[in-house]
Amino acid sequence: WDVLSCCTREGSLDTRIRNPRPNDIPSFLLGHPTIQRVF
């Protein structure tokens, strides 16, 4: 998965990410209790 649900960005570089909005990582982890490691 990705940390961000959406953002504005010119090109592909992370340094150009603006207005980041996160995915609902806590809900995903709650729904998948087998996960032990986040890389």
Full PDB file with SEQRES, HELIX, SHEET, SSBOND, CRYST1, ORIGX, SCALE, CONECT and MASTER records, all heavy atoms in Angstrom:
SEQRES   1 A   39  TRP ASP VAL LEU SER CYS CYS THR ARG GLU GLY SER LEU          
SEQRES   2 A   39  ASP THR ARG ILE ARG ASN PRO ARG PRO ASN ASP ILE PRO          
SEQRES   3 A   39  SER PHE LEU LEU GLY HIS PRO THR ILE GLN ARG VAL PHE          
HELIX    1 AA1 ASP A   14  ARG A   16  5                                   3    
HELIX    2 AA2 ILE A   25  GLY A   31  1                                   7    
SHEET    1 AA1 2 LEU A   4  THR A   8  0                                        
SHEET    2 AA1 2 ARG A  18  PRO A  22 -1                                        
CRYST1    1.000    1.000    1.000  90.00  90.00  90.00 P 1           1          
ORIGX1      1.000000  0.000000  0.000000        0.00000                         
ORIGX2      0.000000  1.000000  0.000000        0.00000                         
ORIGX3      0.000000  0.000000  1.000000        0.00000                         
SCALE1      1.000000  0.000000  0.000000        0.00000                         
SCALE2      0.000000  1.000000  0.000000        0.00000                         
SCALE3      0.000000  0.000000  1.000000        0.00000                         
ATOM      1  N   TRP A   1       0.867  -1.175   0.000  1.00  0.00           N  
ATOM      2  CA  TRP A   1       0.000   0.000   0.000  1.00  0.00           C  
ATOM      3  C   TRP A   1       0.900   1.220   0.000  1.00  0.00           C  
ATOM      4  O   TRP A   1       2.138   1.103  -0.077  1.00  0.00           O  
ATOM      5  CB  TRP A   1      -0.928  -0.001   1.204  1.00  0.00           C  
ATOM      6  CG  TRP A   1      -2.227   0.734   0.972  1.00  0.00           C  
ATOM      7  CD1 TRP A   1      -2.729   1.156  -0.215  1.00  0.00           C  
ATOM      8  CD2 TRP A   1      -3.187   1.102   1.966  1.00  0.00           C  
ATOM      9  NE1 TRP A   1      -3.946   1.767  -0.035  1.00  0.00           N  
ATOM     10  CE2 TRP A   1      -4.250   1.740   1.292  1.00  0.00           C  
ATOM     11  CE3 TRP A   1      -3.255   0.954   3.349  1.00  0.00           C  
ATOM     12  CZ2 TRP A   1      -5.369   2.239   1.970  1.00  0.00           C  
ATOM     13  CZ3 TRP A   1      -4.365   1.442   4.021  1.00  0.00           C  
ATOM     14  CH2 TRP A   1      -5.422   2.074   3.340  1.00  0.00           C  
ATOM     15  N   ASP A   2       0.290   2.400   0.055  1.00  0.00           N  
ATOM     16  CA  ASP A   2       1.026   3.656   0.153  1.00  0.00           C  
ATOM     17  C   ASP A   2       0.520   4.450   1.339  1.00  0.00           C  
ATOM     18  O   ASP A   2      -0.656   4.347   1.720  1.00  0.00           O  
ATOM     19  CB  ASP A   2       0.869   4.474  -1.130  1.00  0.00           C  
ATOM     20  CG  ASP A   2       1.622   3.870  -2.292  1.00  0.00           C  
ATOM     21  OD1 ASP A   2       2.867   3.850  -2.235  1.00  0.00           O  
ATOM     22  OD2 ASP A   2       0.980   3.394  -3.246  1.00  0.00           O  
ATOM     23  N   VAL A   3       1.394   5.252   1.913  1.00  0.00           N  
ATOM     24  CA  VAL A   3       0.993   6.077   3.053  1.00  0.00           C  
ATOM     25  C   VAL A   3      -0.061   7.088   2.621  1.00  0.00           C  
ATOM     26  O   VAL A   3      -1.024   7.341   3.350  1.00  0.00           O  
ATOM     27  CB  VAL A   3       2.207   6.804   3.663  1.00  0.00           C  
ATOM     28  CG1 VAL A   3       1.768   7.708   4.815  1.00  0.00           C  
ATOM     29  CG2 VAL A   3       3.255   5.812   4.142  1.00  0.00           C  
ATOM     30  N   LEU A   4       0.102   7.645   1.437  1.00  0.00           N  
ATOM     31  CA  LEU A   4      -0.799   8.712   0.994  1.00  0.00           C  
ATOM     32  C   LEU A   4      -1.940   8.179   0.150  1.00  0.00           C  
ATOM     33  O   LEU A   4      -1.756   7.336  -0.729  1.00  0.00           O  
ATOM     34  CB  LEU A   4      -0.023   9.762   0.198  1.00  0.00           C  
ATOM     35  CG  LEU A   4       1.068  10.508   0.962  1.00  0.00           C  
ATOM     36  CD1 LEU A   4       1.686  11.590   0.077  1.00  0.00           C  
ATOM     37  CD2 LEU A   4       0.538  11.111   2.262  1.00  0.00           C  
ATOM     38  N   SER A   5      -3.099   8.722   0.422  1.00  0.00           N  
ATOM     39  CA  SER A   5      -4.260   8.480  -0.424  1.00  0.00           C  
ATOM     40  C   SER A   5      -4.228   9.380  -1.652  1.00  0.00           C  
ATOM     41  O   SER A   5      -4.627   8.979  -2.745  1.00  0.00           O  
ATOM     42  CB  SER A   5      -5.542   8.745   0.369  1.00  0.00           C  
ATOM     43  OG  SER A   5      -6.671   8.730  -0.466  1.00  0.00           O  
ATOM     44  N   CYS A   6      -3.740  10.617  -1.456  1.00  0.00           N  
ATOM     45  CA  CYS A   6      -3.699  11.569  -2.549  1.00  0.00           C  
ATOM     46  C   CYS A   6      -2.760  12.713  -2.196  1.00  0.00           C  
ATOM     47  O   CYS A   6      -2.402  12.920  -1.034  1.00  0.00           O  
ATOM     48  CB  CYS A   6      -5.091  12.109  -2.869  1.00  0.00           C  
ATOM     49  SG  CYS A   6      -5.886  12.893  -1.436  1.00  0.00           S  
ATOM     50  N   CYS A   7      -2.383  13.445  -3.210  1.00  0.00           N  
ATOM     51  CA  CYS A   7      -1.528  14.628  -3.036  1.00  0.00           C  
ATOM     52  C   CYS A   7      -1.498  15.363  -4.363  1.00  0.00           C  
ATOM     53  O   CYS A   7      -2.019  14.886  -5.375  1.00  0.00           O  
ATOM     54  CB  CYS A   7      -0.101  14.222  -2.628  1.00  0.00           C  
ATOM     55  SG  CYS A   7       0.822  13.327  -3.908  1.00  0.00           S  
ATOM     56  N   THR A   8      -0.902  16.530  -4.366  1.00  0.00           N  
ATOM     57  CA  THR A   8      -0.550  17.181  -5.623  1.00  0.00           C  
ATOM     58  C   THR A   8       0.958  17.038  -5.792  1.00  0.00           C  
ATOM     59  O   THR A   8       1.711  17.041  -4.815  1.00  0.00           O  
ATOM     60  CB  THR A   8      -0.948  18.664  -5.635  1.00  0.00           C  
ATOM     61  OG1 THR A   8      -0.321  19.337  -4.535  1.00  0.00           O  
ATOM     62  CG2 THR A   8      -2.458  18.822  -5.511  1.00  0.00           C  
ATOM     63  N   ARG A   9       1.386  16.888  -7.041  1.00  0.00           N  
ATOM     64  CA  ARG A   9       2.803  16.646  -7.286  1.00  0.00           C  
ATOM     65  C   ARG A   9       3.097  16.850  -8.765  1.00  0.00           C  
ATOM     66  O   ARG A   9       2.373  16.353  -9.620  1.00  0.00           O  
ATOM     67  CB  ARG A   9       3.164  15.214  -6.889  1.00  0.00           C  
ATOM     68  CG  ARG A   9       4.640  14.855  -7.010  1.00  0.00           C  
ATOM     69  CD  ARG A   9       4.860  13.357  -6.834  1.00  0.00           C  
ATOM     70  NE  ARG A   9       4.168  12.611  -7.877  1.00  0.00           N  
ATOM     71  CZ  ARG A   9       3.795  11.338  -7.782  1.00  0.00           C  
ATOM     72  NH1 ARG A   9       4.045  10.661  -6.679  1.00  0.00           N  
ATOM     73  NH2 ARG A   9       3.162  10.738  -8.786  1.00  0.00           N  
ATOM     74  N   GLU A  10       4.164  17.554  -9.066  1.00  0.00           N  
ATOM     75  CA  GLU A  10       4.667  17.654 -10.436  1.00  0.00           C  
ATOM     76  C   GLU A  10       5.714  16.576 -10.632  1.00  0.00           C  
ATOM     77  O   GLU A  10       6.720  16.540  -9.918  1.00  0.00           O  
ATOM     78  CB  GLU A  10       5.283  19.035 -10.679  1.00  0.00           C  
ATOM     79  CG  GLU A  10       4.278  20.174 -10.667  1.00  0.00           C  
ATOM     80  CD  GLU A  10       4.929  21.498 -11.003  1.00  0.00           C  
ATOM     81  OE1 GLU A  10       6.062  21.489 -11.508  1.00  0.00           O  
ATOM     82  OE2 GLU A  10       4.296  22.537 -10.745  1.00  0.00           O  
ATOM     83  N   GLY A  11       5.492  15.693 -11.588  1.00  0.00           N  
ATOM     84  CA  GLY A  11       6.431  14.609 -11.805  1.00  0.00           C  
ATOM     85  C   GLY A  11       6.257  13.509 -10.763  1.00  0.00           C  
ATOM     86  O   GLY A  11       5.194  13.344 -10.170  1.00  0.00           O  
ATOM     87  N   SER A  12       7.349  12.761 -10.532  1.00  0.00           N  
ATOM     88  CA  SER A  12       7.278  11.594  -9.661  1.00  0.00           C  
ATOM     89  C   SER A  12       8.091  11.711  -8.376  1.00  0.00           C  
ATOM     90  O   SER A  12       7.997  10.836  -7.508  1.00  0.00           O  
ATOM     91  CB  SER A  12       7.761  10.351 -10.428  1.00  0.00           C  
ATOM     92  OG  SER A  12       6.907  10.048 -11.514  1.00  0.00           O  
ATOM     93  N   LEU A  13       8.868  12.762  -8.215  1.00  0.00           N  
ATOM     94  CA  LEU A  13       9.767  12.846  -7.074  1.00  0.00           C  
ATOM     95  C   LEU A  13       8.996  13.127  -5.782  1.00  0.00           C  
ATOM     96  O   LEU A  13       8.098  13.977  -5.747  1.00  0.00           O  
ATOM     97  CB  LEU A  13      10.814  13.934  -7.290  1.00  0.00           C  
ATOM     98  CG  LEU A  13      11.849  13.683  -8.392  1.00  0.00           C  
ATOM     99  CD1 LEU A  13      12.769  14.885  -8.528  1.00  0.00           C  
ATOM    100  CD2 LEU A  13      12.648  12.417  -8.111  1.00  0.00           C  
ATOM    101  N   ASP A  14       9.386  12.428  -4.718  1.00  0.00           N  
ATOM    102  CA  ASP A  14       8.756  12.655  -3.412  1.00  0.00           C  
ATOM    103  C   ASP A  14       8.966  14.084  -2.915  1.00  0.00           C  
ATOM    104  O   ASP A  14       8.130  14.612  -2.176  1.00  0.00           O  
ATOM    105  CB  ASP A  14       9.323  11.674  -2.382  1.00  0.00           C  
ATOM    106  CG  ASP A  14       8.840  10.250  -2.610  1.00  0.00           C  
ATOM    107  OD1 ASP A  14       7.732  10.069  -3.139  1.00  0.00           O  
ATOM    108  OD2 ASP A  14       9.592   9.314  -2.254  1.00  0.00           O  
ATOM    109  N   THR A  15      10.068  14.692  -3.307  1.00  0.00           N  
ATOM    110  CA  THR A  15      10.352  16.053  -2.852  1.00  0.00           C  
ATOM    111  C   THR A  15       9.356  17.063  -3.413  1.00  0.00           C  
ATOM    112  O   THR A  15       9.285  18.189  -2.922  1.00  0.00           O  
ATOM    113  CB  THR A  15      11.776  16.466  -3.252  1.00  0.00           C  
ATOM    114  OG1 THR A  15      11.946  16.274  -4.660  1.00  0.00           O  
ATOM    115  CG2 THR A  15      12.812  15.644  -2.508  1.00  0.00           C  
ATOM    116  N   ARG A  16       8.596  16.667  -4.410  1.00  0.00           N  
ATOM    117  CA  ARG A  16       7.612  17.577  -5.011  1.00  0.00           C  
ATOM    118  C   ARG A  16       6.188  17.318  -4.518  1.00  0.00           C  
ATOM    119  O   ARG A  16       5.242  17.910  -5.045  1.00  0.00           O  
ATOM    120  CB  ARG A  16       7.669  17.467  -6.532  1.00  0.00           C  
ATOM    121  CG  ARG A  16       9.011  17.899  -7.093  1.00  0.00           C  
ATOM    122  CD  ARG A  16       8.940  18.180  -8.563  1.00  0.00           C  
ATOM    123  NE  ARG A  16      10.175  18.774  -9.059  1.00  0.00           N  
ATOM    124  CZ  ARG A  16      10.320  19.279 -10.279  1.00  0.00           C  
ATOM    125  NH1 ARG A  16       9.295  19.278 -11.125  1.00  0.00           N  
ATOM    126  NH2 ARG A  16      11.456  19.809 -10.665  1.00  0.00           N  
ATOM    127  N   ILE A  17       6.043  16.440  -3.546  1.00  0.00           N  
ATOM    128  CA  ILE A  17       4.718  16.180  -2.984  1.00  0.00           C  
ATOM    129  C   ILE A  17       4.229  17.409  -2.217  1.00  0.00           C  
ATOM    130  O   ILE A  17       4.939  17.966  -1.393  1.00  0.00           O  
ATOM    131  CB  ILE A  17       4.754  14.949  -2.051  1.00  0.00           C  
ATOM    132  CG1 ILE A  17       4.900  13.664  -2.881  1.00  0.00           C  
ATOM    133  CG2 ILE A  17       3.490  14.872  -1.189  1.00  0.00           C  
ATOM    134  CD1 ILE A  17       5.064  12.416  -2.041  1.00  0.00           C  
ATOM    135  N   ARG A  18       3.013  17.804  -2.500  1.00  0.00           N  
ATOM    136  CA  ARG A  18       2.356  18.893  -1.804  1.00  0.00           C  
ATOM    137  C   ARG A  18       0.947  18.435  -1.407  1.00  0.00           C  
ATOM    138  O   ARG A  18       0.375  17.555  -2.017  1.00  0.00           O  
ATOM    139  CB  ARG A  18       2.257  20.151  -2.691  1.00  0.00           C  
ATOM    140  CG  ARG A  18       3.589  20.676  -3.206  1.00  0.00           C  
ATOM    141  CD  ARG A  18       4.427  21.282  -2.098  1.00  0.00           C  
ATOM    142  NE  ARG A  18       5.669  21.863  -2.616  1.00  0.00           N  
ATOM    143  CZ  ARG A  18       6.814  21.199  -2.769  1.00  0.00           C  
ATOM    144  NH1 ARG A  18       6.878  19.903  -2.442  1.00  0.00           N  
ATOM    145  NH2 ARG A  18       7.891  21.796  -3.238  1.00  0.00           N  
ATOM    146  N   ASN A  19       0.378  19.066  -0.399  1.00  0.00           N  
ATOM    147  CA  ASN A  19      -0.995  18.782   0.043  1.00  0.00           C  
ATOM    148  C   ASN A  19      -1.243  17.289   0.281  1.00  0.00           C  
ATOM    149  O   ASN A  19      -2.235  16.730  -0.191  1.00  0.00           O  
ATOM    150  CB  ASN A  19      -2.006  19.315  -0.999  1.00  0.00           C  
ATOM    151  CG  ASN A  19      -1.792  20.763  -1.332  1.00  0.00           C  
ATOM    152  OD1 ASN A  19      -1.897  21.622  -0.469  1.00  0.00           O  
ATOM    153  ND2 ASN A  19      -1.478  21.042  -2.598  1.00  0.00           N  
ATOM    154  N   PRO A  20      -0.373  16.627   1.032  1.00  0.00           N  
ATOM    155  CA  PRO A  20      -0.557  15.181   1.232  1.00  0.00           C  
ATOM    156  C   PRO A  20      -1.747  14.859   2.128  1.00  0.00           C  
ATOM    157  O   PRO A  20      -2.024  15.569   3.089  1.00  0.00           O  
ATOM    158  CB  PRO A  20       0.755  14.757   1.894  1.00  0.00           C  
ATOM    159  CG  PRO A  20       1.223  15.984   2.619  1.00  0.00           C  
ATOM    160  CD  PRO A  20       0.818  17.146   1.746  1.00  0.00           C  
ATOM    161  N   ARG A  21      -2.459  13.812   1.774  1.00  0.00           N  
ATOM    162  CA  ARG A  21      -3.565  13.291   2.580  1.00  0.00           C  
ATOM    163  C   ARG A  21      -3.311  11.804   2.782  1.00  0.00           C  
ATOM    164  O   ARG A  21      -3.070  11.076   1.828  1.00  0.00           O  
ATOM    165  CB  ARG A  21      -4.915  13.494   1.871  1.00  0.00           C  
ATOM    166  CG  ARG A  21      -5.207  14.944   1.464  1.00  0.00           C  
ATOM    167  CD  ARG A  21      -5.532  15.816   2.673  1.00  0.00           C  
ATOM    168  NE  ARG A  21      -5.979  17.129   2.277  1.00  0.00           N  
ATOM    169  CZ  ARG A  21      -5.193  18.194   2.121  1.00  0.00           C  
ATOM    170  NH1 ARG A  21      -3.878  18.070   2.304  1.00  0.00           N  
ATOM    171  NH2 ARG A  21      -5.681  19.363   1.774  1.00  0.00           N  
ATOM    172  N   PRO A  22      -3.392  11.304   4.010  1.00  0.00           N  
ATOM    173  CA  PRO A  22      -3.019   9.910   4.257  1.00  0.00           C  
ATOM    174  C   PRO A  22      -4.135   8.920   3.969  1.00  0.00           C  
ATOM    175  O   PRO A  22      -5.328   9.240   4.048  1.00  0.00           O  
ATOM    176  CB  PRO A  22      -2.697   9.912   5.752  1.00  0.00           C  
ATOM    177  CG  PRO A  22      -3.633  10.937   6.316  1.00  0.00           C  
ATOM    178  CD  PRO A  22      -3.713  12.026   5.265  1.00  0.00           C  
ATOM    179  N   ASN A  23      -3.727   7.702   3.641  1.00  0.00           N  
ATOM    180  CA  ASN A  23      -4.657   6.581   3.682  1.00  0.00           C  
ATOM    181  C   ASN A  23      -4.981   6.255   5.135  1.00  0.00           C  
ATOM    182  O   ASN A  23      -4.276   6.666   6.062  1.00  0.00           O  
ATOM    183  CB  ASN A  23      -4.037   5.354   3.000  1.00  0.00           C  
ATOM    184  CG  ASN A  23      -4.257   5.346   1.504  1.00  0.00           C  
ATOM    185  OD1 ASN A  23      -5.364   5.558   1.031  1.00  0.00           O  
ATOM    186  ND2 ASN A  23      -3.192   5.101   0.745  1.00  0.00           N  
ATOM    187  N   ASP A  24      -6.049   5.495   5.326  1.00  0.00           N  
ATOM    188  CA  ASP A  24      -6.479   5.144   6.682  1.00  0.00           C  
ATOM    189  C   ASP A  24      -5.695   3.911   7.142  1.00  0.00           C  
ATOM    190  O   ASP A  24      -6.233   2.798   7.214  1.00  0.00           O  
ATOM    191  CB  ASP A  24      -7.989   4.891   6.694  1.00  0.00           C  
ATOM    192  CG  ASP A  24      -8.547   4.824   8.110  1.00  0.00           C  
ATOM    193  OD1 ASP A  24      -7.740   4.773   9.060  1.00  0.00           O  
ATOM    194  OD2 ASP A  24      -9.785   4.812   8.257  1.00  0.00           O  
ATOM    195  N   ILE A  25      -4.431   4.132   7.446  1.00  0.00           N  
ATOM    196  CA  ILE A  25      -3.551   3.041   7.867  1.00  0.00           C  
ATOM    197  C   ILE A  25      -4.056   2.362   9.144  1.00  0.00           C  
ATOM    198  O   ILE A  25      -4.077   1.122   9.218  1.00  0.00           O  
ATOM    199  CB  ILE A  25      -2.108   3.548   8.059  1.00  0.00           C  
ATOM    200  CG1 ILE A  25      -1.605   4.275   6.795  1.00  0.00           C  
ATOM    201  CG2 ILE A  25      -1.182   2.401   8.440  1.00  0.00           C  
ATOM    202  CD1 ILE A  25      -1.442   3.427   5.587  1.00  0.00           C  
ATOM    203  N   PRO A  26      -4.490   3.106  10.184  1.00  0.00           N  
ATOM    204  CA  PRO A  26      -4.982   2.425  11.390  1.00  0.00           C  
ATOM    205  C   PRO A  26      -6.141   1.466  11.123  1.00  0.00           C  
ATOM    206  O   PRO A  26      -6.175   0.368  11.680  1.00  0.00           O  
ATOM    207  CB  PRO A  26      -5.408   3.579  12.299  1.00  0.00           C  
ATOM    208  CG  PRO A  26      -4.524   4.713  11.891  1.00  0.00           C  
ATOM    209  CD  PRO A  26      -4.399   4.579  10.401  1.00  0.00           C  
ATOM    210  N   SER A  27      -7.085   1.855  10.261  1.00  0.00           N  
ATOM    211  CA  SER A  27      -8.208   0.956   9.957  1.00  0.00           C  
ATOM    212  C   SER A  27      -7.736  -0.304   9.246  1.00  0.00           C  
ATOM    213  O   SER A  27      -8.235  -1.407   9.501  1.00  0.00           O  
ATOM    214  CB  SER A  27      -9.250   1.671   9.098  1.00  0.00           C  
ATOM    215  OG  SER A  27     -10.023   2.551   9.876  1.00  0.00           O  
ATOM    216  N   PHE A  28      -6.757  -0.135   8.353  1.00  0.00           N  
ATOM    217  CA  PHE A  28      -6.224  -1.300   7.647  1.00  0.00           C  
ATOM    218  C   PHE A  28      -5.546  -2.255   8.628  1.00  0.00           C  
ATOM    219  O   PHE A  28      -5.737  -3.479   8.572  1.00  0.00           O  
ATOM    220  CB  PHE A  28      -5.241  -0.875   6.559  1.00  0.00           C  
ATOM    221  CG  PHE A  28      -4.719  -2.024   5.739  1.00  0.00           C  
ATOM    222  CD1 PHE A  28      -5.470  -2.555   4.701  1.00  0.00           C  
ATOM    223  CD2 PHE A  28      -3.476  -2.585   6.010  1.00  0.00           C  
ATOM    224  CE1 PHE A  28      -5.003  -3.625   3.946  1.00  0.00           C  
ATOM    225  CE2 PHE A  28      -2.994  -3.644   5.266  1.00  0.00           C  
ATOM    226  CZ  PHE A  28      -3.756  -4.172   4.233  1.00  0.00           C  
ATOM    227  N   LEU A  29      -4.758  -1.717   9.533  1.00  0.00           N  
ATOM    228  CA  LEU A  29      -4.078  -2.549  10.529  1.00  0.00           C  
ATOM    229  C   LEU A  29      -5.081  -3.205  11.464  1.00  0.00           C  
ATOM    230  O   LEU A  29      -4.920  -4.375  11.843  1.00  0.00           O  
ATOM    231  CB  LEU A  29      -3.081  -1.702  11.323  1.00  0.00           C  
ATOM    232  CG  LEU A  29      -1.897  -1.162  10.530  1.00  0.00           C  
ATOM    233  CD1 LEU A  29      -1.106  -0.157  11.370  1.00  0.00           C  
ATOM    234  CD2 LEU A  29      -0.981  -2.287  10.058  1.00  0.00           C  
ATOM    235  N   LEU A  30      -6.127  -2.476  11.805  1.00  0.00           N  
ATOM    236  CA  LEU A  30      -7.164  -3.038  12.664  1.00  0.00           C  
ATOM    237  C   LEU A  30      -7.865  -4.200  11.975  1.00  0.00           C  
ATOM    238  O   LEU A  30      -8.200  -5.206  12.604  1.00  0.00           O  
ATOM    239  CB  LEU A  30      -8.173  -1.947  13.038  1.00  0.00           C  
ATOM    240  CG  LEU A  30      -9.286  -2.312  14.024  1.00  0.00           C  
ATOM    241  CD1 LEU A  30      -8.693  -2.730  15.363  1.00  0.00           C  
ATOM    242  CD2 LEU A  30     -10.235  -1.138  14.199  1.00  0.00           C  
ATOM    243  N   GLY A  31      -8.074  -4.064  10.670  1.00  0.00           N  
ATOM    244  CA  GLY A  31      -8.732  -5.116   9.912  1.00  0.00           C  
ATOM    245  C   GLY A  31      -7.835  -6.283   9.543  1.00  0.00           C  
ATOM    246  O   GLY A  31      -8.318  -7.301   9.045  1.00  0.00           O  
ATOM    247  N   HIS A  32      -6.528  -6.128   9.777  1.00  0.00           N  
ATOM    248  CA  HIS A  32      -5.567  -7.199   9.462  1.00  0.00           C  
ATOM    249  C   HIS A  32      -4.675  -7.421  10.687  1.00  0.00           C  
ATOM    250  O   HIS A  32      -3.501  -7.043  10.699  1.00  0.00           O  
ATOM    251  CB  HIS A  32      -4.735  -6.824   8.233  1.00  0.00           C  
ATOM    252  CG  HIS A  32      -5.550  -6.675   6.987  1.00  0.00           C  
ATOM    253  ND1 HIS A  32      -6.251  -5.525   6.707  1.00  0.00           N  
ATOM    254  CD2 HIS A  32      -5.785  -7.540   5.960  1.00  0.00           C  
ATOM    255  CE1 HIS A  32      -6.887  -5.688   5.547  1.00  0.00           C  
ATOM    256  NE2 HIS A  32      -6.625  -6.895   5.078  1.00  0.00           N  
ATOM    257  N   PRO A  33      -5.220  -8.037  11.717  1.00  0.00           N  
ATOM    258  CA  PRO A  33      -4.481  -8.174  12.985  1.00  0.00           C  
ATOM    259  C   PRO A  33      -3.276  -9.100  12.915  1.00  0.00           C  
ATOM    260  O   PRO A  33      -2.499  -9.162  13.868  1.00  0.00           O  
ATOM    261  CB  PRO A  33      -5.547  -8.719  13.949  1.00  0.00           C  
ATOM    262  CG  PRO A  33      -6.543  -9.404  13.065  1.00  0.00           C  
ATOM    263  CD  PRO A  33      -6.584  -8.587  11.813  1.00  0.00           C  
ATOM    264  N   THR A  34      -3.122  -9.812  11.789  1.00  0.00           N  
ATOM    265  CA  THR A  34      -1.948 -10.690  11.634  1.00  0.00           C  
ATOM    266  C   THR A  34      -0.678  -9.904  11.334  1.00  0.00           C  
ATOM    267  O   THR A  34       0.429 -10.439  11.471  1.00  0.00           O  
ATOM    268  CB  THR A  34      -2.183 -11.703  10.509  1.00  0.00           C  
ATOM    269  OG1 THR A  34      -2.582 -11.000   9.322  1.00  0.00           O  
ATOM    270  CG2 THR A  34      -3.245 -12.714  10.908  1.00  0.00           C  
ATOM    271  N   ILE A  35      -0.806  -8.644  10.905  1.00  0.00           N  
ATOM    272  CA  ILE A  35       0.373  -7.851  10.544  1.00  0.00           C  
ATOM    273  C   ILE A  35       1.225  -7.598  11.787  1.00  0.00           C  
ATOM    274  O   ILE A  35       0.738  -7.086  12.790  1.00  0.00           O  
ATOM    275  CB  ILE A  35      -0.032  -6.526   9.875  1.00  0.00           C  
ATOM    276  CG1 ILE A  35      -0.640  -6.793   8.490  1.00  0.00           C  
ATOM    277  CG2 ILE A  35       1.171  -5.588   9.746  1.00  0.00           C  
ATOM    278  CD1 ILE A  35      -1.193  -5.556   7.809  1.00  0.00           C  
ATOM    279  N   GLN A  36       2.500  -7.950  11.680  1.00  0.00           N  
ATOM    280  CA  GLN A  36       3.441  -7.760  12.776  1.00  0.00           C  
ATOM    281  C   GLN A  36       4.509  -6.721  12.454  1.00  0.00           C  
ATOM    282  O   GLN A  36       5.114  -6.150  13.358  1.00  0.00           O  
ATOM    283  CB  GLN A  36       4.133  -9.091  13.111  1.00  0.00           C  
ATOM    284  CG  GLN A  36       3.180 -10.201  13.516  1.00  0.00           C  
ATOM    285  CD  GLN A  36       2.413  -9.872  14.791  1.00  0.00           C  
ATOM    286  OE1 GLN A  36       2.989  -9.364  15.750  1.00  0.00           O  
ATOM    287  NE2 GLN A  36       1.123 -10.159  14.796  1.00  0.00           N  
ATOM    288  N   ARG A  37       4.755  -6.497  11.162  1.00  0.00           N  
ATOM    289  CA  ARG A  37       5.828  -5.586  10.763  1.00  0.00           C  
ATOM    290  C   ARG A  37       5.334  -4.642   9.674  1.00  0.00           C  
ATOM    291  O   ARG A  37       4.635  -5.059   8.751  1.00  0.00           O  
ATOM    292  CB  ARG A  37       7.052  -6.354  10.268  1.00  0.00           C  
ATOM    293  CG  ARG A  37       7.707  -7.200  11.362  1.00  0.00           C  
ATOM    294  CD  ARG A  37       8.866  -8.020  10.817  1.00  0.00           C  
ATOM    295  NE  ARG A  37       9.400  -8.892  11.848  1.00  0.00           N  
ATOM    296  CZ  ARG A  37      10.617  -8.785  12.375  1.00  0.00           C  
ATOM    297  NH1 ARG A  37      11.435  -7.832  11.957  1.00  0.00           N  
ATOM    298  NH2 ARG A  37      11.028  -9.632  13.302  1.00  0.00           N  
ATOM    299  N   VAL A  38       5.726  -3.392   9.791  1.00  0.00           N  
ATOM    300  CA  VAL A  38       5.427  -2.376   8.784  1.00  0.00           C  
ATOM    301  C   VAL A  38       6.764  -1.889   8.236  1.00  0.00           C  
ATOM    302  O   VAL A  38       7.589  -1.341   8.976  1.00  0.00           O  
ATOM    303  CB  VAL A  38       4.638  -1.200   9.391  1.00  0.00           C  
ATOM    304  CG1 VAL A  38       4.384  -0.130   8.326  1.00  0.00           C  
ATOM    305  CG2 VAL A  38       3.314  -1.696   9.988  1.00  0.00           C  
ATOM    306  N   PHE A  39       6.998  -2.114   6.955  1.00  0.00           N  
ATOM    307  CA  PHE A  39       8.217  -1.676   6.293  1.00  0.00           C  
ATOM    308  C   PHE A  39       7.900  -0.482   5.403  1.00  0.00           C  
ATOM    309  O   PHE A  39       6.887  -0.488   4.696  1.00  0.00           O  
ATOM    310  CB  PHE A  39       8.815  -2.793   5.441  1.00  0.00           C  
ATOM    311  CG  PHE A  39       9.263  -4.000   6.228  1.00  0.00           C  
ATOM    312  CD1 PHE A  39       9.181  -5.270   5.681  1.00  0.00           C  
ATOM    313  CD2 PHE A  39       9.761  -3.864   7.509  1.00  0.00           C  
ATOM    314  CE1 PHE A  39       9.595  -6.381   6.396  1.00  0.00           C  
ATOM    315  CE2 PHE A  39      10.179  -4.973   8.236  1.00  0.00           C  
ATOM    316  CZ  PHE A  39      10.099  -6.242   7.675  1.00  0.00           C  
TER     317      PHE A  39                                                      
MASTER        0    0    0    2    2    0    0    6  316    1    0    3          
END                                                                             
